[in-house]
Each structure stands twice: as structure tokens, then as C-alpha cells.
Amino acid sequence: QVQLVESGGGLVQAGGSLRLSCAASGRTFSSCAVGWFRQAPGKEREFVAAISKNGGNIRYADSLKGRFTISRDNANNTVYLQMSSLKPEDTAVYSCAAQPTTYGTLLNSNYGWYDYWGQGTRVTVSS
């Protein structure tokens, strides 16, 4: 089992920055690939970014490249999502998800691939 807790969400003006954290407990977090997803009101959940368990493979949603950065600190069982140049359309509930993997570079942008989820943290970007 892996328990995930997101933090760092809040209200920010357009153009601002936020750093989200995904803290894990339970099963060895370093054995898991981790993804960030978001869901805006009335919209489907969408992929944001993912990082492999060894940090050597990273993927971003094409629309977010250059503004969002995912990273991980396995010593502290935490994955981060640094978000900059935020726009009102980034408003959503952001959730992290984890999936134990065998291969160090494996990750996935499909939310159905992940077994463990946090409760999410809300990000609101005002114009």
C-alpha cells in the first residue's frame, strides 16, 4: 500500500507560481512511478506530468511543457510539481498517483495505469 497526500494548492493570480507536493508513506515510494493529473470543474481528468521511479524519465502534457516541472526526492518520499506562469485555465484539482514498477524508467500518462491516488489539492488561478 502507498498513501499519498498532496499539498501546496491555493489561490494565485495569473502569472504566478505554485509548488505542489505529493508526500508518500507506506510501501517504498522509490519503487513507484508517479504522475500528476488534474480535473477542472465540468471537465475530464487530464494528464499533467509523470516521473519514473529513478527520475530518469519524465513526460509532460504537450500543452504544459515549459511551464510545469516535475521532480522527486526519494530520500524524503516526495514528488513535486513546480508550476509557473499560471493561467486561469490551470484552475483544477490536482492529484498525484503512484504505481510500483519493475523498470526504472517506466511511466505512463494514462490515469488508469495508477493504483494509488491522493485526495487532491485545489489550485485556483484568478485573472
N, C-alpha and C. Protein backbone atom coordinates (compact mmCIF):
# COMPACT_ATOMS: atom_id res chain seq x y z
N GLN A 1 0.83 -1.20 0.00
CA GLN A 1 0.00 0.00 0.00
C GLN A 1 0.86 1.25 0.00
N VAL A 2 0.38 2.24 -0.70
CA VAL A 2 1.03 3.54 -0.72
C VAL A 2 -0.02 4.59 -0.39
N GLN A 3 0.26 5.42 0.57
CA GLN A 3 -0.64 6.52 0.91
C GLN A 3 -0.01 7.81 0.39
N LEU A 4 -0.83 8.59 -0.28
CA LEU A 4 -0.35 9.83 -0.90
C LEU A 4 -1.12 11.02 -0.35
N VAL A 5 -0.42 12.09 -0.05
CA VAL A 5 -1.05 13.31 0.42
C VAL A 5 -0.48 14.49 -0.36
N GLU A 6 -1.36 15.20 -1.05
CA GLU A 6 -0.95 16.38 -1.80
C GLU A 6 -1.07 17.62 -0.93
N SER A 7 -0.24 18.59 -1.22
CA SER A 7 -0.31 19.88 -0.54
C SER A 7 0.26 20.95 -1.46
N GLY A 8 0.02 22.20 -1.08
CA GLY A 8 0.60 23.30 -1.83
C GLY A 8 -0.36 24.05 -2.73
N GLY A 9 -1.58 23.56 -2.83
CA GLY A 9 -2.56 24.26 -3.65
C GLY A 9 -3.02 25.54 -2.98
N GLY A 10 -3.78 26.32 -3.71
CA GLY A 10 -4.29 27.57 -3.17
C GLY A 10 -4.73 28.51 -4.25
N LEU A 11 -4.90 29.76 -3.88
CA LEU A 11 -5.33 30.80 -4.81
C LEU A 11 -4.11 31.62 -5.22
N VAL A 12 -3.97 31.81 -6.52
CA VAL A 12 -2.83 32.58 -7.04
C VAL A 12 -3.30 33.41 -8.22
N GLN A 13 -2.68 34.55 -8.42
CA GLN A 13 -3.02 35.38 -9.57
C GLN A 13 -2.38 34.83 -10.83
N ALA A 14 -3.00 35.12 -11.95
CA ALA A 14 -2.43 34.73 -13.24
C ALA A 14 -1.00 35.25 -13.36
N GLY A 15 -0.12 34.40 -13.84
CA GLY A 15 1.28 34.74 -13.96
C GLY A 15 2.11 34.30 -12.77
N GLY A 16 1.45 33.91 -11.70
CA GLY A 16 2.13 33.48 -10.50
C GLY A 16 2.60 32.03 -10.57
N SER A 17 3.14 31.58 -9.44
CA SER A 17 3.70 30.23 -9.36
C SER A 17 3.21 29.53 -8.10
N LEU A 18 3.20 28.24 -8.17
CA LEU A 18 2.90 27.38 -7.02
C LEU A 18 3.75 26.12 -7.13
N ARG A 19 4.08 25.56 -5.99
CA ARG A 19 4.74 24.26 -5.98
C ARG A 19 3.88 23.29 -5.20
N LEU A 20 3.44 22.26 -5.88
CA LEU A 20 2.66 21.21 -5.23
C LEU A 20 3.59 20.10 -4.77
N SER A 21 3.21 19.48 -3.66
CA SER A 21 3.96 18.36 -3.13
C SER A 21 3.06 17.14 -3.02
N CYS A 22 3.65 16.00 -3.25
CA CYS A 22 2.97 14.72 -3.10
C CYS A 22 3.83 13.89 -2.16
N ALA A 23 3.39 13.79 -0.91
CA ALA A 23 4.15 13.06 0.10
C ALA A 23 3.59 11.65 0.24
N ALA A 24 4.48 10.70 0.29
CA ALA A 24 4.06 9.30 0.33
C ALA A 24 4.49 8.62 1.62
N SER A 25 3.70 7.66 2.02
CA SER A 25 4.05 6.80 3.15
C SER A 25 3.62 5.38 2.80
N GLY A 26 4.09 4.43 3.56
CA GLY A 26 3.73 3.05 3.27
C GLY A 26 4.83 2.36 2.48
N ARG A 27 4.42 1.65 1.45
CA ARG A 27 5.36 0.92 0.62
C ARG A 27 6.44 1.84 0.09
N THR A 28 7.61 1.29 -0.17
CA THR A 28 8.74 2.08 -0.61
C THR A 28 8.38 2.94 -1.82
N PHE A 29 8.39 4.21 -1.60
CA PHE A 29 7.99 5.15 -2.62
C PHE A 29 8.94 5.14 -3.80
N SER A 30 10.19 4.84 -3.52
CA SER A 30 11.20 4.87 -4.58
C SER A 30 10.99 3.77 -5.61
N SER A 31 10.09 2.84 -5.35
CA SER A 31 9.78 1.79 -6.31
C SER A 31 8.62 2.16 -7.24
N CYS A 32 8.11 3.37 -7.08
CA CYS A 32 6.91 3.80 -7.80
C CYS A 32 7.18 4.89 -8.82
N ALA A 33 6.58 4.73 -10.00
CA ALA A 33 6.43 5.87 -10.89
C ALA A 33 5.30 6.74 -10.35
N VAL A 34 5.38 8.02 -10.57
CA VAL A 34 4.38 8.95 -10.04
C VAL A 34 3.90 9.88 -11.14
N GLY A 35 2.61 10.09 -11.16
CA GLY A 35 2.02 11.00 -12.12
C GLY A 35 1.19 12.06 -11.43
N TRP A 36 1.09 13.22 -12.08
CA TRP A 36 0.18 14.28 -11.65
C TRP A 36 -0.92 14.40 -12.70
N PHE A 37 -2.13 14.52 -12.21
CA PHE A 37 -3.29 14.70 -13.07
C PHE A 37 -4.11 15.86 -12.51
N ARG A 38 -4.96 16.40 -13.34
CA ARG A 38 -5.83 17.49 -12.86
C ARG A 38 -7.21 17.33 -13.45
N GLN A 39 -8.17 17.87 -12.72
CA GLN A 39 -9.55 17.85 -13.20
C GLN A 39 -10.19 19.19 -12.88
N ALA A 40 -10.57 19.88 -13.92
CA ALA A 40 -11.26 21.15 -13.78
C ALA A 40 -12.76 20.89 -13.70
N PRO A 41 -13.50 21.83 -13.12
CA PRO A 41 -14.96 21.65 -13.00
C PRO A 41 -15.60 21.40 -14.35
N GLY A 42 -16.38 20.34 -14.42
CA GLY A 42 -17.09 20.03 -15.64
C GLY A 42 -16.26 19.42 -16.74
N LYS A 43 -15.00 19.11 -16.43
CA LYS A 43 -14.12 18.54 -17.45
C LYS A 43 -13.59 17.19 -17.00
N GLU A 44 -13.06 16.45 -17.95
CA GLU A 44 -12.47 15.16 -17.63
C GLU A 44 -11.09 15.34 -17.01
N ARG A 45 -10.68 14.33 -16.30
CA ARG A 45 -9.35 14.34 -15.72
C ARG A 45 -8.31 14.30 -16.84
N GLU A 46 -7.26 15.07 -16.69
CA GLU A 46 -6.24 15.10 -17.73
C GLU A 46 -4.85 14.93 -17.14
N PHE A 47 -3.99 14.38 -17.95
CA PHE A 47 -2.61 14.15 -17.56
C PHE A 47 -1.85 15.47 -17.51
N VAL A 48 -1.00 15.59 -16.49
CA VAL A 48 -0.16 16.78 -16.35
C VAL A 48 1.31 16.43 -16.56
N ALA A 49 1.80 15.51 -15.74
CA ALA A 49 3.22 15.13 -15.83
C ALA A 49 3.44 13.81 -15.12
N ALA A 50 4.52 13.14 -15.46
CA ALA A 50 4.86 11.88 -14.78
C ALA A 50 6.37 11.75 -14.71
N ILE A 51 6.80 11.02 -13.68
CA ILE A 51 8.23 10.79 -13.49
C ILE A 51 8.44 9.33 -13.10
N SER A 52 9.46 8.72 -13.68
CA SER A 52 9.76 7.33 -13.38
C SER A 52 10.35 7.19 -11.98
N LYS A 53 10.44 5.97 -11.52
CA LYS A 53 10.87 5.77 -10.14
C LYS A 53 12.31 6.24 -9.90
N ASN A 54 13.13 6.16 -10.94
CA ASN A 54 14.52 6.59 -10.75
C ASN A 54 14.73 8.05 -11.18
N GLY A 55 13.64 8.69 -11.60
CA GLY A 55 13.73 10.10 -12.01
C GLY A 55 14.36 10.30 -13.37
N GLY A 56 14.73 9.22 -14.02
CA GLY A 56 15.43 9.34 -15.28
C GLY A 56 14.55 9.54 -16.49
N ASN A 57 13.26 9.35 -16.33
CA ASN A 57 12.32 9.52 -17.44
C ASN A 57 11.19 10.42 -16.97
N ILE A 58 10.94 11.45 -17.72
CA ILE A 58 9.91 12.43 -17.38
C ILE A 58 9.07 12.72 -18.62
N ARG A 59 7.81 12.92 -18.40
CA ARG A 59 6.90 13.24 -19.51
C ARG A 59 5.95 14.33 -19.06
N TYR A 60 5.64 15.23 -19.97
CA TYR A 60 4.68 16.30 -19.71
C TYR A 60 3.58 16.29 -20.76
N ALA A 61 2.43 16.79 -20.36
CA ALA A 61 1.41 17.09 -21.35
C ALA A 61 1.98 18.16 -22.28
N ASP A 62 1.76 17.98 -23.56
CA ASP A 62 2.35 18.91 -24.53
C ASP A 62 1.99 20.36 -24.24
N SER A 63 0.76 20.59 -23.82
CA SER A 63 0.29 21.95 -23.60
C SER A 63 0.94 22.62 -22.40
N LEU A 64 1.62 21.82 -21.55
CA LEU A 64 2.17 22.36 -20.31
C LEU A 64 3.69 22.44 -20.31
N LYS A 65 4.30 21.92 -21.34
CA LYS A 65 5.76 21.95 -21.40
C LYS A 65 6.27 23.38 -21.31
N GLY A 66 7.30 23.54 -20.51
CA GLY A 66 7.91 24.84 -20.34
C GLY A 66 7.38 25.63 -19.17
N ARG A 67 6.20 25.27 -18.69
CA ARG A 67 5.62 25.98 -17.53
C ARG A 67 5.63 25.13 -16.27
N PHE A 68 5.53 23.82 -16.43
CA PHE A 68 5.46 22.91 -15.28
C PHE A 68 6.72 22.05 -15.24
N THR A 69 7.17 21.77 -14.03
CA THR A 69 8.34 20.91 -13.84
C THR A 69 8.06 19.90 -12.74
N ILE A 70 8.26 18.64 -13.05
CA ILE A 70 8.07 17.58 -12.06
C ILE A 70 9.45 17.12 -11.60
N SER A 71 9.55 16.81 -10.32
CA SER A 71 10.80 16.31 -9.76
C SER A 71 10.47 15.42 -8.56
N ARG A 72 11.46 14.69 -8.11
CA ARG A 72 11.21 13.82 -6.96
C ARG A 72 12.43 13.78 -6.05
N ASP A 73 12.14 13.54 -4.78
CA ASP A 73 13.15 13.39 -3.73
C ASP A 73 12.85 12.08 -3.04
N ASN A 74 13.47 11.02 -3.49
CA ASN A 74 13.15 9.71 -2.94
C ASN A 74 13.60 9.58 -1.48
N ALA A 75 14.60 10.32 -1.10
CA ALA A 75 15.05 10.26 0.30
C ALA A 75 13.96 10.77 1.24
N ASN A 76 13.13 11.68 0.74
CA ASN A 76 12.05 12.24 1.55
C ASN A 76 10.67 11.81 1.07
N ASN A 77 10.64 10.80 0.19
CA ASN A 77 9.36 10.24 -0.27
C ASN A 77 8.41 11.30 -0.79
N THR A 78 8.92 12.20 -1.59
CA THR A 78 8.09 13.31 -2.08
C THR A 78 8.34 13.57 -3.56
N VAL A 79 7.26 13.85 -4.26
CA VAL A 79 7.32 14.30 -5.65
C VAL A 79 6.74 15.71 -5.70
N TYR A 80 7.37 16.55 -6.49
CA TYR A 80 6.96 17.95 -6.58
C TYR A 80 6.46 18.28 -7.99
N LEU A 81 5.59 19.24 -8.04
CA LEU A 81 5.17 19.81 -9.31
C LEU A 81 5.29 21.32 -9.18
N GLN A 82 6.30 21.86 -9.83
CA GLN A 82 6.50 23.30 -9.85
C GLN A 82 5.74 23.88 -11.02
N MET A 83 4.84 24.80 -10.74
CA MET A 83 4.00 25.40 -11.77
C MET A 83 4.28 26.89 -11.84
N SER A 84 4.56 27.37 -13.02
CA SER A 84 4.85 28.80 -13.18
C SER A 84 4.02 29.37 -14.32
N SER A 85 4.01 30.68 -14.41
CA SER A 85 3.22 31.38 -15.44
C SER A 85 1.80 30.83 -15.48
N LEU A 86 1.22 30.71 -14.32
CA LEU A 86 -0.10 30.09 -14.23
C LEU A 86 -1.17 30.92 -14.94
N LYS A 87 -2.13 30.21 -15.49
CA LYS A 87 -3.23 30.82 -16.23
C LYS A 87 -4.55 30.41 -15.58
N PRO A 88 -5.59 31.20 -15.79
CA PRO A 88 -6.89 30.80 -15.23
C PRO A 88 -7.32 29.40 -15.66
N GLU A 89 -6.95 28.99 -16.84
CA GLU A 89 -7.33 27.65 -17.30
C GLU A 89 -6.57 26.53 -16.60
N ASP A 90 -5.60 26.88 -15.77
CA ASP A 90 -4.92 25.87 -14.94
C ASP A 90 -5.71 25.56 -13.67
N THR A 91 -6.78 26.29 -13.44
CA THR A 91 -7.61 26.05 -12.27
C THR A 91 -8.18 24.64 -12.32
N ALA A 92 -7.94 23.89 -11.24
CA ALA A 92 -8.36 22.49 -11.20
C ALA A 92 -7.99 21.89 -9.85
N VAL A 93 -8.48 20.69 -9.62
CA VAL A 93 -7.98 19.88 -8.52
C VAL A 93 -6.85 19.02 -9.07
N TYR A 94 -5.70 19.13 -8.43
CA TYR A 94 -4.51 18.40 -8.87
C TYR A 94 -4.29 17.20 -7.94
N SER A 95 -4.13 16.05 -8.56
CA SER A 95 -3.94 14.82 -7.79
C SER A 95 -2.67 14.11 -8.25
N CYS A 96 -2.00 13.48 -7.29
CA CYS A 96 -0.87 12.66 -7.65
C CYS A 96 -1.27 11.19 -7.55
N ALA A 97 -0.58 10.37 -8.30
CA ALA A 97 -0.86 8.95 -8.34
C ALA A 97 0.45 8.19 -8.43
N ALA A 98 0.47 7.00 -7.87
CA ALA A 98 1.70 6.20 -7.85
C ALA A 98 1.43 4.78 -8.32
N GLN A 99 2.43 4.22 -8.96
CA GLN A 99 2.32 2.85 -9.45
C GLN A 99 3.68 2.16 -9.29
N PRO A 100 3.74 1.09 -8.50
CA PRO A 100 5.00 0.35 -8.40
C PRO A 100 5.41 -0.19 -9.76
N THR A 101 6.66 -0.06 -10.07
CA THR A 101 7.14 -0.55 -11.36
C THR A 101 8.42 -1.37 -11.19
N THR A 102 8.66 -2.21 -12.18
CA THR A 102 9.86 -3.02 -12.17
C THR A 102 11.03 -2.28 -12.80
N TYR A 103 10.72 -1.63 -13.91
CA TYR A 103 11.78 -0.96 -14.66
C TYR A 103 11.93 0.50 -14.21
N GLY A 104 13.16 0.92 -14.12
CA GLY A 104 13.45 2.22 -13.55
C GLY A 104 12.94 3.39 -14.35
N THR A 105 12.76 3.23 -15.65
CA THR A 105 12.36 4.35 -16.49
C THR A 105 10.90 4.30 -16.90
N LEU A 106 10.14 3.36 -16.37
CA LEU A 106 8.75 3.20 -16.78
C LEU A 106 7.85 4.27 -16.18
N LEU A 107 6.97 4.81 -16.99
CA LEU A 107 5.94 5.71 -16.52
C LEU A 107 4.77 5.64 -17.50
N ASN A 108 3.70 6.35 -17.18
CA ASN A 108 2.52 6.29 -18.04
C ASN A 108 1.71 7.55 -17.89
N SER A 109 1.11 8.01 -18.96
CA SER A 109 0.26 9.20 -18.91
C SER A 109 -1.22 8.85 -18.80
N ASN A 110 -1.53 7.58 -18.70
CA ASN A 110 -2.91 7.12 -18.59
C ASN A 110 -3.27 6.95 -17.13
N TYR A 111 -4.28 7.65 -16.66
CA TYR A 111 -4.61 7.62 -15.24
C TYR A 111 -5.05 6.22 -14.79
N GLY A 112 -5.54 5.41 -15.69
CA GLY A 112 -5.98 4.06 -15.33
C GLY A 112 -4.85 3.11 -14.99
N TRP A 113 -3.63 3.53 -15.30
CA TRP A 113 -2.46 2.69 -15.03
C TRP A 113 -2.06 2.73 -13.56
N TYR A 114 -2.45 3.77 -12.87
CA TYR A 114 -2.00 4.01 -11.50
C TYR A 114 -2.96 3.39 -10.47
N ASP A 115 -2.40 2.73 -9.49
CA ASP A 115 -3.21 2.08 -8.47
C ASP A 115 -3.48 2.94 -7.25
N TYR A 116 -2.57 3.85 -6.95
CA TYR A 116 -2.67 4.61 -5.69
C TYR A 116 -2.85 6.09 -6.00
N TRP A 117 -3.79 6.71 -5.27
CA TRP A 117 -4.14 8.10 -5.52
C TRP A 117 -4.23 8.88 -4.22
N GLY A 118 -3.87 10.14 -4.29
CA GLY A 118 -4.13 11.05 -3.20
C GLY A 118 -5.50 11.67 -3.32
N GLN A 119 -5.85 12.53 -2.37
CA GLN A 119 -7.18 13.16 -2.35
C GLN A 119 -7.24 14.41 -3.22
N GLY A 120 -6.09 14.93 -3.57
CA GLY A 120 -6.06 16.11 -4.43
C GLY A 120 -5.90 17.40 -3.65
N THR A 121 -5.38 18.39 -4.34
CA THR A 121 -5.27 19.73 -3.79
C THR A 121 -5.78 20.73 -4.83
N ARG A 122 -6.54 21.70 -4.36
CA ARG A 122 -7.20 22.60 -5.29
C ARG A 122 -6.30 23.78 -5.63
N VAL A 123 -6.23 24.07 -6.91
CA VAL A 123 -5.49 25.24 -7.40
C VAL A 123 -6.47 26.15 -8.12
N THR A 124 -6.50 27.39 -7.69
CA THR A 124 -7.37 28.39 -8.33
C THR A 124 -6.50 29.55 -8.81
N VAL A 125 -6.59 29.84 -10.09
CA VAL A 125 -5.82 30.93 -10.68
C VAL A 125 -6.79 32.03 -11.09
N SER A 126 -6.63 33.18 -10.49
CA SER A 126 -7.52 34.30 -10.78
C SER A 126 -6.93 35.17 -11.90
N SER A 127 -7.82 35.77 -12.66
CA SER A 127 -7.37 36.60 -13.80
C SER A 127 -7.16 38.05 -13.38
